[in-house]
């Protein structure tokens, strides 16, 4: 399976829409870039990315528990 997205960590000023990123005053953003077009399809500030990663890990753990039950 080929990755559909590249992930890039950049300073906020390189964001496609820095004014819409967050209210936390993060100075960096994580961009999701479509392959092969290179189009930026999503962005998250650092704090939102950390929250999303935590939520995804919790969902994976819960899903694994449900499958083994």
PDB file of N, CA and C in Angstrom:
ATOM      1  N   UNK A   1       0.840  -1.183   0.000  1.00  0.00           N
ATOM      2  CA  UNK A   1       0.000   0.000   0.000  1.00  0.00           C
ATOM      3  C   UNK A   1       0.887   1.249   0.000  1.00  0.00           C
ATOM      4  N   UNK A   2       0.591   2.164  -0.855  1.00  0.00           N
ATOM      5  CA  UNK A   2       1.349   3.398  -0.979  1.00  0.00           C
ATOM      6  C   UNK A   2       0.710   4.458  -0.069  1.00  0.00           C
ATOM      7  N   UNK A   3       1.538   5.212   0.642  1.00  0.00           N
ATOM      8  CA  UNK A   3       1.013   6.308   1.453  1.00  0.00           C
ATOM      9  C   UNK A   3       0.328   7.321   0.553  1.00  0.00           C
ATOM     10  N   UNK A   4      -0.858   7.745   0.971  1.00  0.00           N
ATOM     11  CA  UNK A   4      -1.589   8.735   0.196  1.00  0.00           C
ATOM     12  C   UNK A   4      -1.182  10.161   0.541  1.00  0.00           C
ATOM     13  N   UNK A   5      -0.524  10.316   1.697  1.00  0.00           N
ATOM     14  CA  UNK A   5      -0.158  11.650   2.154  1.00  0.00           C
ATOM     15  C   UNK A   5       1.275  11.687   2.646  1.00  0.00           C
ATOM     16  N   UNK A   6       1.908  12.811   2.406  1.00  0.00           N
ATOM     17  CA  UNK A   6       3.173  13.137   3.058  1.00  0.00           C
ATOM     18  C   UNK A   6       2.821  14.068   4.207  1.00  0.00           C
ATOM     19  N   UNK A   7       3.637  14.092   5.227  1.00  0.00           N
ATOM     20  CA  UNK A   7       3.435  14.992   6.356  1.00  0.00           C
ATOM     21  C   UNK A   7       4.670  15.881   6.456  1.00  0.00           C
ATOM     22  N   UNK A   8       4.410  17.179   6.609  1.00  0.00           N
ATOM     23  CA  UNK A   8       5.502  18.149   6.669  1.00  0.00           C
ATOM     24  C   UNK A   8       5.288  19.055   7.876  1.00  0.00           C
ATOM     25  N   UNK A   9       6.344  19.300   8.644  1.00  0.00           N
ATOM     26  CA  UNK A   9       6.332  20.143   9.829  1.00  0.00           C
ATOM     27  C   UNK A   9       7.007  21.447   9.442  1.00  0.00           C
ATOM     28  N   UNK A  10       6.261  22.561   9.456  1.00  0.00           N
ATOM     29  CA  UNK A  10       6.798  23.832   8.961  1.00  0.00           C
ATOM     30  C   UNK A  10       6.469  24.984   9.909  1.00  0.00           C
ATOM     31  N   UNK A  11       7.232  26.082   9.826  1.00  0.00           N
ATOM     32  CA  UNK A  11       6.872  27.276  10.588  1.00  0.00           C
ATOM     33  C   UNK A  11       5.494  27.792  10.154  1.00  0.00           C
ATOM     34  N   UNK A  12       4.781  28.404  11.084  1.00  0.00           N
ATOM     35  CA  UNK A  12       3.420  28.874  10.829  1.00  0.00           C
ATOM     36  C   UNK A  12       3.328  29.780   9.600  1.00  0.00           C
ATOM     37  N   UNK A  13       4.349  30.590   9.368  1.00  0.00           N
ATOM     38  CA  UNK A  13       4.288  31.508   8.224  1.00  0.00           C
ATOM     39  C   UNK A  13       4.271  30.788   6.872  1.00  0.00           C
ATOM     40  N   UNK A  14       4.610  29.493   6.844  1.00  0.00           N
ATOM     41  CA  UNK A  14       4.548  28.707   5.609  1.00  0.00           C
ATOM     42  C   UNK A  14       3.229  27.964   5.476  1.00  0.00           C
ATOM     43  N   UNK A  15       2.325  28.182   6.434  1.00  0.00           N
ATOM     44  CA  UNK A  15       1.008  27.560   6.389  1.00  0.00           C
ATOM     45  C   UNK A  15       0.210  28.121   5.218  1.00  0.00           C
ATOM     46  N   UNK A  16      -0.664  27.306   4.667  1.00  0.00           N
ATOM     47  CA  UNK A  16      -1.537  27.775   3.594  1.00  0.00           C
ATOM     48  C   UNK A  16      -2.528  28.810   4.125  1.00  0.00           C
ATOM     49  N   UNK A  17      -2.947  28.647   5.383  1.00  0.00           N
ATOM     50  CA  UNK A  17      -3.914  29.556   5.998  1.00  0.00           C
ATOM     51  C   UNK A  17      -3.549  29.791   7.469  1.00  0.00           C
ATOM     52  N   UNK A  18      -2.470  30.517   7.742  1.00  0.00           N
ATOM     53  CA  UNK A  18      -2.015  30.682   9.132  1.00  0.00           C
ATOM     54  C   UNK A  18      -3.052  31.339  10.040  1.00  0.00           C
ATOM     55  N   UNK A  19      -3.902  32.166   9.482  1.00  0.00           N
ATOM     56  CA  UNK A  19      -4.912  32.846  10.288  1.00  0.00           C
ATOM     57  C   UNK A  19      -5.997  31.891  10.799  1.00  0.00           C
ATOM     58  N   UNK A  20      -6.112  30.710  10.188  1.00  0.00           N
ATOM     59  CA  UNK A  20      -7.145  29.752  10.585  1.00  0.00           C
ATOM     60  C   UNK A  20      -6.611  28.604  11.429  1.00  0.00           C
ATOM     61  N   UNK A  21      -5.329  28.598  11.725  1.00  0.00           N
ATOM     62  CA  UNK A  21      -4.746  27.432  12.390  1.00  0.00           C
ATOM     63  C   UNK A  21      -5.232  27.213  13.811  1.00  0.00           C
ATOM     64  N   UNK A  22      -5.043  28.181  14.684  1.00  0.00           N
ATOM     65  CA  UNK A  22      -5.394  27.942  16.077  1.00  0.00           C
ATOM     66  C   UNK A  22      -5.413  29.239  16.861  1.00  0.00           C
ATOM     67  N   UNK A  23      -5.880  29.122  18.095  1.00  0.00           N
ATOM     68  CA  UNK A  23      -5.843  30.248  19.001  1.00  0.00           C
ATOM     69  C   UNK A  23      -4.822  30.053  20.100  1.00  0.00           C
ATOM     70  N   UNK A  24      -3.945  29.052  19.939  1.00  0.00           N
ATOM     71  CA  UNK A  24      -2.955  28.734  20.961  1.00  0.00           C
ATOM     72  C   UNK A  24      -1.633  29.461  20.755  1.00  0.00           C
ATOM     73  N   UNK A  25      -1.513  30.191  19.678  1.00  0.00           N
ATOM     74  CA  UNK A  25      -0.269  30.874  19.312  1.00  0.00           C
ATOM     75  C   UNK A  25       0.868  29.904  19.001  1.00  0.00           C
ATOM     76  N   UNK A  26       0.521  28.754  18.429  1.00  0.00           N
ATOM     77  CA  UNK A  26       1.546  27.801  17.997  1.00  0.00           C
ATOM     78  C   UNK A  26       2.378  28.447  16.893  1.00  0.00           C
ATOM     79  N   UNK A  27       3.663  28.162  16.877  1.00  0.00           N
ATOM     80  CA  UNK A  27       4.526  28.751  15.852  1.00  0.00           C
ATOM     81  C   UNK A  27       4.861  27.764  14.737  1.00  0.00           C
ATOM     82  N   UNK A  28       4.320  26.557  14.817  1.00  0.00           N
ATOM     83  CA  UNK A  28       4.559  25.534  13.794  1.00  0.00           C
ATOM     84  C   UNK A  28       3.257  24.865  13.408  1.00  0.00           C
ATOM     85  N   UNK A  29       3.240  24.305  12.220  1.00  0.00           N
ATOM     86  CA  UNK A  29       2.067  23.592  11.732  1.00  0.00           C
ATOM     87  C   UNK A  29       2.499  22.279  11.088  1.00  0.00           C
ATOM     88  N   UNK A  30       1.601  21.338  11.101  1.00  0.00           N
ATOM     89  CA  UNK A  30       1.814  20.069  10.430  1.00  0.00           C
ATOM     90  C   UNK A  30       0.890  20.058   9.220  1.00  0.00           C
ATOM     91  N   UNK A  31       1.464  19.879   8.045  1.00  0.00           N
ATOM     92  CA  UNK A  31       0.698  19.870   6.806  1.00  0.00           C
ATOM     93  C   UNK A  31       0.580  18.442   6.279  1.00  0.00           C
ATOM     94  N   UNK A  32      -0.604  18.121   5.758  1.00  0.00           N
ATOM     95  CA  UNK A  32      -0.842  16.850   5.085  1.00  0.00           C
ATOM     96  C   UNK A  32      -0.872  17.143   3.593  1.00  0.00           C
ATOM     97  N   UNK A  33       0.019  16.491   2.851  1.00  0.00           N
ATOM     98  CA  UNK A  33       0.213  16.791   1.440  1.00  0.00           C
ATOM     99  C   UNK A  33      -0.154  15.565   0.618  1.00  0.00           C
ATOM    100  N   UNK A  34      -1.062  15.762  -0.335  1.00  0.00           N
ATOM    101  CA  UNK A  34      -1.521  14.672  -1.185  1.00  0.00           C
ATOM    102  C   UNK A  34      -0.419  14.224  -2.135  1.00  0.00           C
ATOM    103  N   UNK A  35      -0.332  12.912  -2.298  1.00  0.00           N
ATOM    104  CA  UNK A  35       0.575  12.375  -3.314  1.00  0.00           C
ATOM    105  C   UNK A  35      -0.270  11.913  -4.486  1.00  0.00           C
ATOM    106  N   UNK A  36       0.054  12.112  -5.681  1.00  0.00           N
ATOM    107  CA  UNK A  36       1.271  12.740  -6.193  1.00  0.00           C
ATOM    108  C   UNK A  36       1.110  14.225  -6.478  1.00  0.00           C
ATOM    109  N   UNK A  37      -0.068  14.802  -6.226  1.00  0.00           N
ATOM    110  CA  UNK A  37      -0.324  16.187  -6.638  1.00  0.00           C
ATOM    111  C   UNK A  37       0.505  17.224  -5.885  1.00  0.00           C
ATOM    112  N   UNK A  38       0.893  16.932  -4.642  1.00  0.00           N
ATOM    113  CA  UNK A  38       1.633  17.893  -3.842  1.00  0.00           C
ATOM    114  C   UNK A  38       0.754  18.955  -3.220  1.00  0.00           C
ATOM    115  N   UNK A  39      -0.561  18.823  -3.354  1.00  0.00           N
ATOM    116  CA  UNK A  39      -1.512  19.786  -2.797  1.00  0.00           C
ATOM    117  C   UNK A  39      -1.612  19.631  -1.275  1.00  0.00           C
ATOM    118  N   UNK A  40      -1.646  20.742  -0.562  1.00  0.00           N
ATOM    119  CA  UNK A  40      -1.858  20.714   0.877  1.00  0.00           C
ATOM    120  C   UNK A  40      -3.344  20.460   1.098  1.00  0.00           C
ATOM    121  N   UNK A  41      -3.664  19.322   1.711  1.00  0.00           N
ATOM    122  CA  UNK A  41      -5.066  18.956   1.907  1.00  0.00           C
ATOM    123  C   UNK A  41      -5.534  19.141   3.345  1.00  0.00           C
ATOM    124  N   UNK A  42      -4.621  19.460   4.241  1.00  0.00           N
ATOM    125  CA  UNK A  42      -5.002  19.710   5.621  1.00  0.00           C
ATOM    126  C   UNK A  42      -3.830  20.218   6.424  1.00  0.00           C
ATOM    127  N   UNK A  43      -4.153  20.917   7.508  1.00  0.00           N
ATOM    128  CA  UNK A  43      -3.130  21.442   8.399  1.00  0.00           C
ATOM    129  C   UNK A  43      -3.643  21.377   9.829  1.00  0.00           C
ATOM    130  N   UNK A  44      -2.734  21.151  10.749  1.00  0.00           N
ATOM    131  CA  UNK A  44      -3.041  21.170  12.171  1.00  0.00           C
ATOM    132  C   UNK A  44      -1.931  21.916  12.902  1.00  0.00           C
ATOM    133  N   UNK A  45      -2.330  22.672  13.918  1.00  0.00           N
ATOM    134  CA  UNK A  45      -1.302  23.250  14.773  1.00  0.00           C
ATOM    135  C   UNK A  45      -0.729  22.129  15.639  1.00  0.00           C
ATOM    136  N   UNK A  46       0.357  22.383  16.299  1.00  0.00           N
ATOM    137  CA  UNK A  46       1.036  21.368  17.096  1.00  0.00           C
ATOM    138  C   UNK A  46       0.130  20.832  18.209  1.00  0.00           C
ATOM    139  N   UNK A  47      -0.549  21.726  18.918  1.00  0.00           N
ATOM    140  CA  UNK A  47      -1.393  21.281  20.026  1.00  0.00           C
ATOM    141  C   UNK A  47      -2.571  20.434  19.533  1.00  0.00           C
ATOM    142  N   UNK A  48      -3.191  20.840  18.435  1.00  0.00           N
ATOM    143  CA  UNK A  48      -4.294  20.052  17.885  1.00  0.00           C
ATOM    144  C   UNK A  48      -3.799  18.706  17.366  1.00  0.00           C
ATOM    145  N   UNK A  49      -2.605  18.674  16.790  1.00  0.00           N
ATOM    146  CA  UNK A  49      -2.029  17.420  16.301  1.00  0.00           C
ATOM    147  C   UNK A  49      -1.753  16.459  17.458  1.00  0.00           C
ATOM    148  N   UNK A  50      -1.252  16.979  18.568  1.00  0.00           N
ATOM    149  CA  UNK A  50      -1.009  16.140  19.737  1.00  0.00           C
ATOM    150  C   UNK A  50      -2.314  15.556  20.271  1.00  0.00           C
ATOM    151  N   UNK A  51      -3.353  16.370  20.331  1.00  0.00           N
ATOM    152  CA  UNK A  51      -4.662  15.902  20.792  1.00  0.00           C
ATOM    153  C   UNK A  51      -5.208  14.827  19.851  1.00  0.00           C
ATOM    154  N   UNK A  52      -5.101  15.066  18.550  1.00  0.00           N
ATOM    155  CA  UNK A  52      -5.597  14.089  17.578  1.00  0.00           C
ATOM    156  C   UNK A  52      -4.821  12.781  17.680  1.00  0.00           C
ATOM    157  N   UNK A  53      -3.514  12.856  17.830  1.00  0.00           N
ATOM    158  CA  UNK A  53      -2.696  11.648  17.945  1.00  0.00           C
ATOM    159  C   UNK A  53      -3.106  10.842  19.175  1.00  0.00           C
ATOM    160  N   UNK A  54      -3.330  11.514  20.282  1.00  0.00           N
ATOM    161  CA  UNK A  54      -3.772  10.851  21.511  1.00  0.00           C
ATOM    162  C   UNK A  54      -5.123  10.171  21.287  1.00  0.00           C
ATOM    163  N   UNK A  55      -6.060  10.878  20.667  1.00  0.00           N
ATOM    164  CA  UNK A  55      -7.387  10.315  20.402  1.00  0.00           C
ATOM    165  C   UNK A  55      -7.302   9.107  19.471  1.00  0.00           C
ATOM    166  N   UNK A  56      -6.457   9.185  18.451  1.00  0.00           N
ATOM    167  CA  UNK A  56      -6.294   8.062  17.527  1.00  0.00           C
ATOM    168  C   UNK A  56      -5.702   6.839  18.222  1.00  0.00           C
ATOM    169  N   UNK A  57      -4.700   7.061  19.063  1.00  0.00           N
ATOM    170  CA  UNK A  57      -4.101   5.945  19.791  1.00  0.00           C
ATOM    171  C   UNK A  57      -5.105   5.293  20.739  1.00  0.00           C
ATOM    172  N   UNK A  58      -5.909   6.105  21.411  1.00  0.00           N
ATOM    173  CA  UNK A  58      -6.935   5.564  22.298  1.00  0.00           C
ATOM    174  C   UNK A  58      -7.966   4.754  21.511  1.00  0.00           C
ATOM    175  N   UNK A  59      -8.359   5.247  20.344  1.00  0.00           N
ATOM    176  CA  UNK A  59      -9.320   4.526  19.509  1.00  0.00           C
ATOM    177  C   UNK A  59      -8.745   3.194  19.026  1.00  0.00           C
ATOM    178  N   UNK A  60      -7.464   3.183  18.661  1.00  0.00           N
ATOM    179  CA  UNK A  60      -6.818   1.943  18.240  1.00  0.00           C
ATOM    180  C   UNK A  60      -6.761   0.933  19.377  1.00  0.00           C
ATOM    181  N   UNK A  61      -6.420   1.397  20.562  1.00  0.00           N
ATOM    182  CA  UNK A  61      -6.361   0.506  21.719  1.00  0.00           C
ATOM    183  C   UNK A  61      -7.739  -0.059  22.034  1.00  0.00           C
ATOM    184  N   UNK A  62      -8.756   0.770  22.005  1.00  0.00           N
ATOM    185  CA  UNK A  62     -10.117   0.332  22.289  1.00  0.00           C
ATOM    186  C   UNK A  62     -10.594  -0.645  21.210  1.00  0.00           C
ATOM    187  N   UNK A  63     -10.270  -0.347  19.965  1.00  0.00           N
ATOM    188  CA  UNK A  63     -10.646  -1.253  18.879  1.00  0.00           C
ATOM    189  C   UNK A  63      -9.984  -2.614  19.008  1.00  0.00           C
ATOM    190  N   UNK A  64      -8.726  -2.630  19.426  1.00  0.00           N
ATOM    191  CA  UNK A  64      -8.015  -3.890  19.622  1.00  0.00           C
ATOM    192  C   UNK A  64      -8.641  -4.706  20.746  1.00  0.00           C
ATOM    193  N   UNK A  65      -9.037  -4.027  21.825  1.00  0.00           N
ATOM    194  CA  UNK A  65      -9.702  -4.710  22.940  1.00  0.00           C
ATOM    195  C   UNK A  65     -11.017  -5.332  22.487  1.00  0.00           C
ATOM    196  N   UNK A  66     -11.776  -4.587  21.692  1.00  0.00           N
ATOM    197  CA  UNK A  66     -13.079  -5.077  21.221  1.00  0.00           C
ATOM    198  C   UNK A  66     -12.929  -6.275  20.291  1.00  0.00           C
ATOM    199  N   UNK A  67     -11.879  -6.306  19.486  1.00  0.00           N
ATOM    200  CA  UNK A  67     -11.651  -7.419  18.570  1.00  0.00           C
ATOM    201  C   UNK A  67     -11.240  -8.680  19.303  1.00  0.00           C
ATOM    202  N   UNK A  68     -10.525  -8.533  20.408  1.00  0.00           N
ATOM    203  CA  UNK A  68     -10.042  -9.696  21.137  1.00  0.00           C
ATOM    204  C   UNK A  68     -11.079 -10.236  22.136  1.00  0.00           C
ATOM    205  N   UNK A  69     -12.158  -9.512  22.348  1.00  0.00           N
ATOM    206  CA  UNK A  69     -13.185  -9.946  23.312  1.00  0.00           C
ATOM    207  C   UNK A  69     -14.132 -10.966  22.712  1.00  0.00           C
TER     208      UNK A  69
END
